[in-house]
Amino acid sequence: MAYYKFRNWKIPERMRVPIENYLKKKIKPGDFLIAIFENNFVGAFAYADEENLNNLPAYGYWLWNKLLFEVWKSKEKVRNWLRKDN
């Protein structure tokens, strides 16, 4: 099962909770997702487990097409998002 699917790649369902916690509750996720949200795909490669590593294109497509720039794209934007009042 997939949280999000793009062509043959998917964001695993198990990533739903940390992703939605970040987006809805502004809870800081683990290093892999922080790297993804910061648009740091080199860092994401370093932190990814095998399943996420094999599916990195799904994350890129999802970020670009589904999320507001306010919540991702740089360290500064991620830091600001996490600091905002809920």
Protein backbone atom coordinates (compact mmCIF):
# COMPACT_ATOMS: atom_id res chain seq x y z
CA MET A 1 0.00 0.00 0.00
CA ALA A 2 1.20 3.51 -0.73
CA TYR A 3 0.60 6.90 0.83
CA TYR A 4 1.28 8.42 -2.59
CA LYS A 5 2.14 6.85 -5.94
CA PHE A 6 3.86 8.28 -9.00
CA ARG A 7 4.40 5.93 -11.92
CA ASN A 8 6.28 2.93 -10.49
CA TRP A 9 7.44 4.76 -7.36
CA LYS A 10 5.57 5.20 -4.11
CA ILE A 11 5.75 6.89 -0.77
CA PRO A 12 5.20 4.00 1.63
CA GLU A 13 2.05 4.03 3.73
CA ARG A 14 4.19 3.84 6.88
CA MET A 15 5.39 7.38 6.11
CA ARG A 16 1.85 8.79 6.39
CA VAL A 17 1.94 9.51 10.13
CA PRO A 18 5.25 11.41 10.22
CA ILE A 19 4.34 13.32 7.04
CA GLU A 20 0.91 14.31 8.30
CA ASN A 21 2.28 15.15 11.74
CA TYR A 22 4.68 17.56 10.07
CA LEU A 23 2.06 19.08 7.78
CA LYS A 24 -0.88 19.25 10.20
CA LYS A 25 0.67 19.39 13.67
CA LYS A 26 4.08 20.86 12.83
CA ILE A 27 5.89 17.99 14.54
CA LYS A 28 9.47 17.58 13.39
CA PRO A 29 9.95 14.29 11.52
CA GLY A 30 13.10 12.19 11.36
CA ASP A 31 16.25 13.04 9.44
CA PHE A 32 15.11 11.46 6.17
CA LEU A 33 11.91 13.49 5.94
CA ILE A 34 13.62 16.65 7.14
CA ALA A 35 16.06 16.25 4.25
CA ILE A 36 13.14 15.69 1.86
CA PHE A 37 11.27 18.76 3.08
CA GLU A 38 14.46 20.84 2.93
CA ASN A 39 14.86 19.80 -0.72
CA ASN A 40 18.15 18.15 0.26
CA PHE A 41 18.07 15.00 -1.80
CA VAL A 42 21.74 14.25 -1.15
CA GLY A 43 20.91 14.17 2.56
CA ALA A 44 17.82 12.09 1.83
CA PHE A 45 20.02 9.52 0.08
CA ALA A 46 22.17 9.33 3.20
CA TYR A 47 19.25 8.87 5.61
CA ALA A 48 16.91 6.73 3.50
CA ASP A 49 16.22 3.13 4.24
CA GLU A 50 16.18 0.82 1.22
CA GLU A 51 12.47 1.21 0.50
CA ASN A 52 12.57 5.00 0.58
CA LEU A 53 15.83 5.09 -1.36
CA ASN A 54 14.23 3.12 -4.17
CA ASN A 55 11.27 5.49 -4.21
CA LEU A 56 12.88 8.95 -4.03
CA PRO A 57 11.31 10.07 -7.34
CA ALA A 58 7.86 9.78 -5.75
CA TYR A 59 8.90 12.23 -3.04
CA GLY A 60 10.16 14.75 -5.59
CA TYR A 61 7.00 14.59 -7.65
CA TRP A 62 4.80 14.77 -4.54
CA LEU A 63 6.63 17.81 -3.17
CA TRP A 64 6.50 19.72 -6.42
CA ASN A 65 2.92 18.92 -7.36
CA LYS A 66 1.06 18.50 -4.09
CA LEU A 67 2.56 20.74 -1.40
CA LEU A 68 2.61 24.48 -0.87
CA PHE A 69 6.10 25.97 -1.04
CA GLU A 70 5.49 27.34 2.46
CA VAL A 71 6.13 23.90 4.02
CA TRP A 72 9.18 22.76 2.04
CA LYS A 73 11.98 23.79 -0.30
CA SER A 74 14.72 24.99 2.07
CA LYS A 75 16.08 24.68 5.60
CA GLU A 76 14.75 28.13 6.35
CA LYS A 77 11.21 27.30 5.18
CA VAL A 78 11.17 24.08 7.20
CA ARG A 79 12.49 25.89 10.28
CA ASN A 80 9.87 28.64 9.86
CA TRP A 81 7.09 26.09 9.36
CA LEU A 82 8.01 24.25 12.54
CA ARG A 83 8.12 27.54 14.49
CA LYS A 84 4.69 28.78 13.42
CA ASP A 85 1.91 28.78 15.96
CA ASN A 86 -0.56 25.94 15.53
